[in-house]
Amino acid sequence: MTDTPSFELPLFPLQSVLFPDGLLGLKVFEARYLDLVGECLRERKPFGVVALKKGSEVRGNGAPGDVALESIGCLAELIDVDSPQSGILQVRCRGTRRFETASASQQANHLWVAQARLLPDDETVLPTEELVGSAQGLANAIATLKQQGNVPFLEPYRFEDAGWIANRWCEILPISVAAKQKLMELPDPLVRLKLVDEFLRSKGVVG
């Protein structure tokens, strides 16, 4: 744990990993999460996104023992909220800071709440010469996605930032949630990008 003070944080468990500066779209329909989004919207505060290690955590039907959450997640701040029909919210969020939880428990309404501490942001470091190919590969991928009308990343694009490059690749690579979680947790952005680069080279994406 870090030396930063702990705070109470409502959690939104997902079968996916949110990275800092990542874009997250959610379709919210459960009462506990409708209430959570409403409160975060009113008070302009974030909630925590954590990946599920075990269980599906749908509608609070399972006992707490049937669900296991990762201890490191990412704060999500609301970008926009739309209500296409009664009882359903379409939400877009931006990942901000990583956090670590000391404990997590379910309230009476089945909402998960944890005592959390913020983790340090990635240092902004240039990709080393051997990793520049991953930056160029990501630029090419974004150009292709734009042509297809599907860009899953928020601007500004930061191709000079090793951590940002690694995080964006992690979001679109066909790797397991567990692997994405381990990469997200790494405190060194250059190590994260190096692992991503090795994967890209093994698949022939980067020469």
C-alpha atoms as a PDB file:
ATOM      1  CA  MET A   1       0.000   0.000   0.000  1.00  0.00           C
ATOM      2  CA  THR A   2       1.064   3.616  -0.489  1.00  0.00           C
ATOM      3  CA  ASP A   3       1.274   6.357   2.143  1.00  0.00           C
ATOM      4  CA  THR A   4      -1.726   8.212   0.721  1.00  0.00           C
ATOM      5  CA  PRO A   5      -4.799   8.384   2.983  1.00  0.00           C
ATOM      6  CA  SER A   6      -7.513   5.792   2.503  1.00  0.00           C
ATOM      7  CA  PHE A   7     -11.066   6.693   1.497  1.00  0.00           C
ATOM      8  CA  GLU A   8     -14.359   4.898   0.967  1.00  0.00           C
ATOM      9  CA  LEU A   9     -14.902   4.009  -2.670  1.00  0.00           C
ATOM     10  CA  PRO A  10     -17.964   2.416  -4.321  1.00  0.00           C
ATOM     11  CA  LEU A  11     -16.948  -0.305  -6.781  1.00  0.00           C
ATOM     12  CA  PHE A  12     -18.286  -1.422 -10.134  1.00  0.00           C
ATOM     13  CA  PRO A  13     -16.961  -4.968 -10.774  1.00  0.00           C
ATOM     14  CA  LEU A  14     -16.586  -5.930 -14.435  1.00  0.00           C
ATOM     15  CA  GLN A  15     -15.230  -8.818 -16.461  1.00  0.00           C
ATOM     16  CA  SER A  16     -12.759  -6.396 -18.006  1.00  0.00           C
ATOM     17  CA  VAL A  17      -9.913  -4.079 -16.973  1.00  0.00           C
ATOM     18  CA  LEU A  18     -10.023  -0.274 -17.042  1.00  0.00           C
ATOM     19  CA  PHE A  19      -6.703   1.495 -17.670  1.00  0.00           C
ATOM     20  CA  PRO A  20      -5.796   5.106 -16.861  1.00  0.00           C
ATOM     21  CA  ASP A  21      -6.937   7.370 -19.741  1.00  0.00           C
ATOM     22  CA  GLY A  22      -9.061   4.519 -21.063  1.00  0.00           C
ATOM     23  CA  LEU A  23     -12.594   4.882 -22.416  1.00  0.00           C
ATOM     24  CA  LEU A  24     -15.287   2.767 -20.779  1.00  0.00           C
ATOM     25  CA  GLY A  25     -18.850   2.423 -22.016  1.00  0.00           C
ATOM     26  CA  LEU A  26     -21.473   0.963 -19.679  1.00  0.00           C
ATOM     27  CA  LYS A  27     -25.120   0.018 -20.026  1.00  0.00           C
ATOM     28  CA  VAL A  28     -26.493   0.459 -16.516  1.00  0.00           C
ATOM     29  CA  PHE A  29     -29.841  -1.034 -15.489  1.00  0.00           C
ATOM     30  CA  GLU A  30     -29.444  -2.515 -11.990  1.00  0.00           C
ATOM     31  CA  ALA A  31     -30.893  -0.343  -9.222  1.00  0.00           C
ATOM     32  CA  ARG A  32     -27.670  -0.287  -7.193  1.00  0.00           C
ATOM     33  CA  TYR A  33     -25.659   0.996 -10.155  1.00  0.00           C
ATOM     34  CA  LEU A  34     -28.338   3.424 -11.324  1.00  0.00           C
ATOM     35  CA  ASP A  35     -28.174   4.930  -7.823  1.00  0.00           C
ATOM     36  CA  LEU A  36     -24.363   4.933  -7.949  1.00  0.00           C
ATOM     37  CA  VAL A  37     -24.215   6.742 -11.290  1.00  0.00           C
ATOM     38  CA  GLY A  38     -26.809   9.256 -10.107  1.00  0.00           C
ATOM     39  CA  GLU A  39     -24.819  10.004  -6.959  1.00  0.00           C
ATOM     40  CA  CYS A  40     -21.523  10.327  -8.858  1.00  0.00           C
ATOM     41  CA  LEU A  41     -23.197  12.625 -11.376  1.00  0.00           C
ATOM     42  CA  ARG A  42     -24.684  14.872  -8.674  1.00  0.00           C
ATOM     43  CA  GLU A  43     -21.540  15.027  -6.560  1.00  0.00           C
ATOM     44  CA  ARG A  44     -19.097  14.983  -9.484  1.00  0.00           C
ATOM     45  CA  LYS A  45     -17.093  12.171  -7.979  1.00  0.00           C
ATOM     46  CA  PRO A  46     -15.624   8.987  -9.483  1.00  0.00           C
ATOM     47  CA  PHE A  47     -16.308   5.355  -8.729  1.00  0.00           C
ATOM     48  CA  GLY A  48     -13.902   2.448  -8.816  1.00  0.00           C
ATOM     49  CA  VAL A  49     -13.773  -0.180 -11.553  1.00  0.00           C
ATOM     50  CA  VAL A  50     -12.304  -3.544 -10.580  1.00  0.00           C
ATOM     51  CA  ALA A  51     -11.994  -6.762 -12.541  1.00  0.00           C
ATOM     52  CA  LEU A  52     -13.678  -9.908 -11.321  1.00  0.00           C
ATOM     53  CA  LYS A  53     -11.331 -12.747 -10.425  1.00  0.00           C
ATOM     54  CA  LYS A  54     -14.271 -15.099  -9.851  1.00  0.00           C
ATOM     55  CA  GLY A  55     -18.021 -14.959 -10.313  1.00  0.00           C
ATOM     56  CA  SER A  56     -20.302 -12.866 -12.501  1.00  0.00           C
ATOM     57  CA  GLU A  57     -21.697 -10.560  -9.790  1.00  0.00           C
ATOM     58  CA  VAL A  58     -24.998 -10.004 -11.598  1.00  0.00           C
ATOM     59  CA  ARG A  59     -27.900  -8.457  -9.669  1.00  0.00           C
ATOM     60  CA  GLY A  60     -26.361  -9.513  -6.361  1.00  0.00           C
ATOM     61  CA  ASN A  61     -27.833 -12.983  -6.607  1.00  0.00           C
ATOM     62  CA  GLY A  62     -24.648 -14.751  -5.609  1.00  0.00           C
ATOM     63  CA  ALA A  63     -23.400 -14.875  -2.055  1.00  0.00           C
ATOM     64  CA  PRO A  64     -20.316 -12.714  -1.403  1.00  0.00           C
ATOM     65  CA  GLY A  65     -18.232 -15.870  -1.159  1.00  0.00           C
ATOM     66  CA  ASP A  66     -19.063 -16.678  -4.786  1.00  0.00           C
ATOM     67  CA  VAL A  67     -17.374 -13.499  -6.000  1.00  0.00           C
ATOM     68  CA  ALA A  68     -13.731 -12.431  -5.844  1.00  0.00           C
ATOM     69  CA  LEU A  69     -12.502  -8.993  -6.892  1.00  0.00           C
ATOM     70  CA  GLU A  70      -9.046  -7.845  -7.907  1.00  0.00           C
ATOM     71  CA  SER A  71      -7.442  -5.605  -5.271  1.00  0.00           C
ATOM     72  CA  ILE A  72      -6.104  -3.069  -7.803  1.00  0.00           C
ATOM     73  CA  GLY A  73      -8.462  -1.124 -10.043  1.00  0.00           C
ATOM     74  CA  CYS A  74      -8.892   2.240 -11.748  1.00  0.00           C
ATOM     75  CA  LEU A  75     -11.058   5.229 -10.912  1.00  0.00           C
ATOM     76  CA  ALA A  76     -13.699   6.092 -13.514  1.00  0.00           C
ATOM     77  CA  GLU A  77     -14.992   9.629 -13.989  1.00  0.00           C
ATOM     78  CA  LEU A  78     -18.206  10.244 -15.881  1.00  0.00           C
ATOM     79  CA  ILE A  79     -17.934  11.867 -19.310  1.00  0.00           C
ATOM     80  CA  ASP A  80     -21.573  11.720 -20.312  1.00  0.00           C
ATOM     81  CA  VAL A  81     -24.757   9.937 -19.276  1.00  0.00           C
ATOM     82  CA  ASP A  82     -27.734   9.284 -21.535  1.00  0.00           C
ATOM     83  CA  SER A  83     -31.080   7.673 -20.763  1.00  0.00           C
ATOM     84  CA  PRO A  84     -32.370   6.045 -23.988  1.00  0.00           C
ATOM     85  CA  GLN A  85     -35.304   4.506 -22.120  1.00  0.00           C
ATOM     86  CA  SER A  86     -36.719   4.423 -18.624  1.00  0.00           C
ATOM     87  CA  GLY A  87     -34.549   2.509 -16.167  1.00  0.00           C
ATOM     88  CA  ILE A  88     -31.513   2.278 -18.443  1.00  0.00           C
ATOM     89  CA  LEU A  89     -28.473   4.565 -18.584  1.00  0.00           C
ATOM     90  CA  GLN A  90     -25.822   4.609 -21.291  1.00  0.00           C
ATOM     91  CA  VAL A  91     -22.664   5.858 -19.612  1.00  0.00           C
ATOM     92  CA  ARG A  92     -19.241   6.832 -20.933  1.00  0.00           C
ATOM     93  CA  CYS A  93     -16.361   7.095 -18.473  1.00  0.00           C
ATOM     94  CA  ARG A  94     -12.677   7.970 -18.493  1.00  0.00           C
ATOM     95  CA  GLY A  95     -10.153   5.994 -16.471  1.00  0.00           C
ATOM     96  CA  THR A  96      -8.042   8.214 -14.210  1.00  0.00           C
ATOM     97  CA  ARG A  97      -6.029   6.983 -11.205  1.00  0.00           C
ATOM     98  CA  ARG A  98      -5.198   3.441 -10.176  1.00  0.00           C
ATOM     99  CA  PHE A  99      -6.078   2.447  -6.630  1.00  0.00           C
ATOM    100  CA  GLU A 100      -5.539  -0.465  -4.256  1.00  0.00           C
ATOM    101  CA  THR A 101      -8.189  -1.755  -1.888  1.00  0.00           C
ATOM    102  CA  ALA A 102      -7.534  -2.951   1.647  1.00  0.00           C
ATOM    103  CA  SER A 103     -10.999  -4.457   2.017  1.00  0.00           C
ATOM    104  CA  ALA A 104     -14.212  -4.725   0.046  1.00  0.00           C
ATOM    105  CA  SER A 105     -17.682  -5.690   1.220  1.00  0.00           C
ATOM    106  CA  GLN A 106     -21.255  -5.562  -0.029  1.00  0.00           C
ATOM    107  CA  GLN A 107     -23.798  -3.200   1.460  1.00  0.00           C
ATOM    108  CA  ALA A 108     -27.452  -4.086   2.036  1.00  0.00           C
ATOM    109  CA  ASN A 109     -28.270  -2.969  -1.528  1.00  0.00           C
ATOM    110  CA  HIS A 110     -25.513  -5.320  -2.845  1.00  0.00           C
ATOM    111  CA  LEU A 111     -23.253  -2.426  -3.882  1.00  0.00           C
ATOM    112  CA  TRP A 112     -19.586  -3.201  -3.306  1.00  0.00           C
ATOM    113  CA  VAL A 113     -17.697  -0.609  -1.244  1.00  0.00           C
ATOM    114  CA  ALA A 114     -13.993  -0.642  -0.371  1.00  0.00           C
ATOM    115  CA  GLN A 115     -11.422   1.233   1.624  1.00  0.00           C
ATOM    116  CA  ALA A 116      -9.000   2.347  -1.064  1.00  0.00           C
ATOM    117  CA  ARG A 117      -5.713   4.197  -1.473  1.00  0.00           C
ATOM    118  CA  LEU A 118      -4.521   5.871  -4.644  1.00  0.00           C
ATOM    119  CA  LEU A 119      -1.449   4.466  -6.381  1.00  0.00           C
ATOM    120  CA  PRO A 120       1.168   6.662  -8.073  1.00  0.00           C
ATOM    121  CA  ASP A 121       0.562   7.727 -11.652  1.00  0.00           C
ATOM    122  CA  ASP A 122       2.878   6.382 -14.332  1.00  0.00           C
ATOM    123  CA  GLU A 123       5.914   8.553 -14.912  1.00  0.00           C
ATOM    124  CA  THR A 124       5.781  10.176 -18.329  1.00  0.00           C
ATOM    125  CA  VAL A 125       8.709   8.586 -20.137  1.00  0.00           C
ATOM    126  CA  LEU A 126       9.587   8.374 -23.811  1.00  0.00           C
ATOM    127  CA  PRO A 127       9.541   4.924 -25.390  1.00  0.00           C
ATOM    128  CA  THR A 128      13.096   3.694 -25.859  1.00  0.00           C
ATOM    129  CA  GLU A 129      14.442   3.320 -29.397  1.00  0.00           C
ATOM    130  CA  GLU A 130      13.694  -0.415 -29.399  1.00  0.00           C
ATOM    131  CA  LEU A 131      10.053   0.298 -28.501  1.00  0.00           C
ATOM    132  CA  VAL A 132       9.346   3.015 -31.067  1.00  0.00           C
ATOM    133  CA  GLY A 133       7.871   0.373 -33.362  1.00  0.00           C
ATOM    134  CA  SER A 134       5.029  -0.169 -30.894  1.00  0.00           C
ATOM    135  CA  ALA A 135       4.239   3.542 -30.966  1.00  0.00           C
ATOM    136  CA  GLN A 136       4.171   3.572 -34.771  1.00  0.00           C
ATOM    137  CA  GLY A 137       2.122   0.377 -34.809  1.00  0.00           C
ATOM    138  CA  LEU A 138      -0.453   1.964 -32.524  1.00  0.00           C
ATOM    139  CA  ALA A 139      -0.651   5.046 -34.758  1.00  0.00           C
ATOM    140  CA  ASN A 140      -1.284   2.730 -37.714  1.00  0.00           C
ATOM    141  CA  ALA A 141      -3.937   0.808 -35.758  1.00  0.00           C
ATOM    142  CA  ILE A 142      -5.723   4.052 -34.853  1.00  0.00           C
ATOM    143  CA  ALA A 143      -5.671   5.162 -38.501  1.00  0.00           C
ATOM    144  CA  THR A 144      -7.227   1.834 -39.529  1.00  0.00           C
ATOM    145  CA  LEU A 145      -9.849   2.031 -36.792  1.00  0.00           C
ATOM    146  CA  LYS A 146     -10.739   5.579 -37.849  1.00  0.00           C
ATOM    147  CA  GLN A 147     -11.344   4.378 -41.398  1.00  0.00           C
ATOM    148  CA  GLN A 148     -13.706   1.769 -39.943  1.00  0.00           C
ATOM    149  CA  GLY A 149     -15.455   4.444 -37.872  1.00  0.00           C
ATOM    150  CA  ASN A 150     -14.465   2.856 -34.582  1.00  0.00           C
ATOM    151  CA  VAL A 151     -11.865   4.548 -32.404  1.00  0.00           C
ATOM    152  CA  PRO A 152     -12.001   3.235 -28.826  1.00  0.00           C
ATOM    153  CA  PHE A 153      -9.533   5.814 -27.480  1.00  0.00           C
ATOM    154  CA  LEU A 154      -9.927   9.268 -26.000  1.00  0.00           C
ATOM    155  CA  GLU A 155      -7.883  12.165 -27.305  1.00  0.00           C
ATOM    156  CA  PRO A 156      -5.324  13.616 -26.917  1.00  0.00           C
ATOM    157  CA  TYR A 157      -3.143  10.836 -28.277  1.00  0.00           C
ATOM    158  CA  ARG A 158       0.223  10.701 -26.496  1.00  0.00           C
ATOM    159  CA  PHE A 159       2.639   8.753 -28.669  1.00  0.00           C
ATOM    160  CA  GLU A 160       5.554  10.205 -26.706  1.00  0.00           C
ATOM    161  CA  ASP A 161       4.340   8.533 -23.494  1.00  0.00           C
ATOM    162  CA  ALA A 162       5.370   4.894 -23.020  1.00  0.00           C
ATOM    163  CA  GLY A 163       2.664   4.199 -20.430  1.00  0.00           C
ATOM    164  CA  TRP A 164      -0.100   5.655 -22.599  1.00  0.00           C
ATOM    165  CA  ILE A 165       1.034   3.583 -25.596  1.00  0.00           C
ATOM    166  CA  ALA A 166       1.176   0.398 -23.535  1.00  0.00           C
ATOM    167  CA  ASN A 167      -2.254   1.017 -21.996  1.00  0.00           C
ATOM    168  CA  ARG A 168      -3.949   1.583 -25.332  1.00  0.00           C
ATOM    169  CA  TRP A 169      -2.446  -1.584 -26.788  1.00  0.00           C
ATOM    170  CA  CYS A 170      -3.530  -3.533 -23.701  1.00  0.00           C
ATOM    171  CA  GLU A 171      -7.125  -2.424 -24.284  1.00  0.00           C
ATOM    172  CA  ILE A 172      -7.329  -3.854 -27.807  1.00  0.00           C
ATOM    173  CA  LEU A 173      -5.010  -6.869 -27.720  1.00  0.00           C
ATOM    174  CA  PRO A 174      -6.649 -10.332 -27.687  1.00  0.00           C
ATOM    175  CA  ILE A 175      -5.274 -11.331 -24.293  1.00  0.00           C
ATOM    176  CA  SER A 176      -7.032 -12.574 -21.159  1.00  0.00           C
ATOM    177  CA  VAL A 177      -8.509 -10.326 -18.488  1.00  0.00           C
ATOM    178  CA  ALA A 178      -5.975 -11.791 -16.043  1.00  0.00           C
ATOM    179  CA  ALA A 179      -3.085 -10.800 -18.341  1.00  0.00           C
ATOM    180  CA  LYS A 180      -4.493  -7.285 -18.794  1.00  0.00           C
ATOM    181  CA  GLN A 181      -4.833  -6.995 -15.016  1.00  0.00           C
ATOM    182  CA  LYS A 182      -1.181  -7.930 -14.461  1.00  0.00           C
ATOM    183  CA  LEU A 183      -0.062  -5.403 -17.064  1.00  0.00           C
ATOM    184  CA  MET A 184      -2.232  -2.648 -15.579  1.00  0.00           C
ATOM    185  CA  GLU A 185      -0.744  -3.308 -12.134  1.00  0.00           C
ATOM    186  CA  LEU A 186       2.881  -2.929 -13.279  1.00  0.00           C
ATOM    187  CA  PRO A 187       4.350   0.249 -11.756  1.00  0.00           C
ATOM    188  CA  ASP A 188       6.982   0.737 -14.499  1.00  0.00           C
ATOM    189  CA  PRO A 189       5.480   1.942 -17.810  1.00  0.00           C
ATOM    190  CA  LEU A 190       8.568   0.945 -19.801  1.00  0.00           C
ATOM    191  CA  VAL A 191       8.377  -2.622 -18.506  1.00  0.00           C
ATOM    192  CA  ARG A 192       4.669  -2.692 -19.445  1.00  0.00           C
ATOM    193  CA  LEU A 193       5.420  -1.434 -22.954  1.00  0.00           C
ATOM    194  CA  LYS A 194       8.318  -3.887 -23.336  1.00  0.00           C
ATOM    195  CA  LEU A 195       6.015  -6.817 -22.558  1.00  0.00           C
ATOM    196  CA  VAL A 196       3.441  -5.480 -25.007  1.00  0.00           C
ATOM    197  CA  ASP A 197       6.144  -4.997 -27.635  1.00  0.00           C
ATOM    198  CA  GLU A 198       7.317  -8.606 -27.218  1.00  0.00           C
ATOM    199  CA  PHE A 199       3.745  -9.818 -27.734  1.00  0.00           C
ATOM    200  CA  LEU A 200       3.307  -7.633 -30.823  1.00  0.00           C
ATOM    201  CA  ARG A 201       6.562  -8.931 -32.308  1.00  0.00           C
ATOM    202  CA  SER A 202       5.567 -12.535 -31.602  1.00  0.00           C
ATOM    203  CA  LYS A 203       2.378 -11.941 -33.616  1.00  0.00           C
ATOM    204  CA  GLY A 204       4.155 -10.102 -36.437  1.00  0.00           C
ATOM    205  CA  VAL A 205       2.327  -6.840 -35.718  1.00  0.00           C
ATOM    206  CA  VAL A 206       5.643  -5.038 -35.163  1.00  0.00           C
ATOM    207  CA  GLY A 207       8.674  -5.979 -37.204  1.00  0.00           C
END
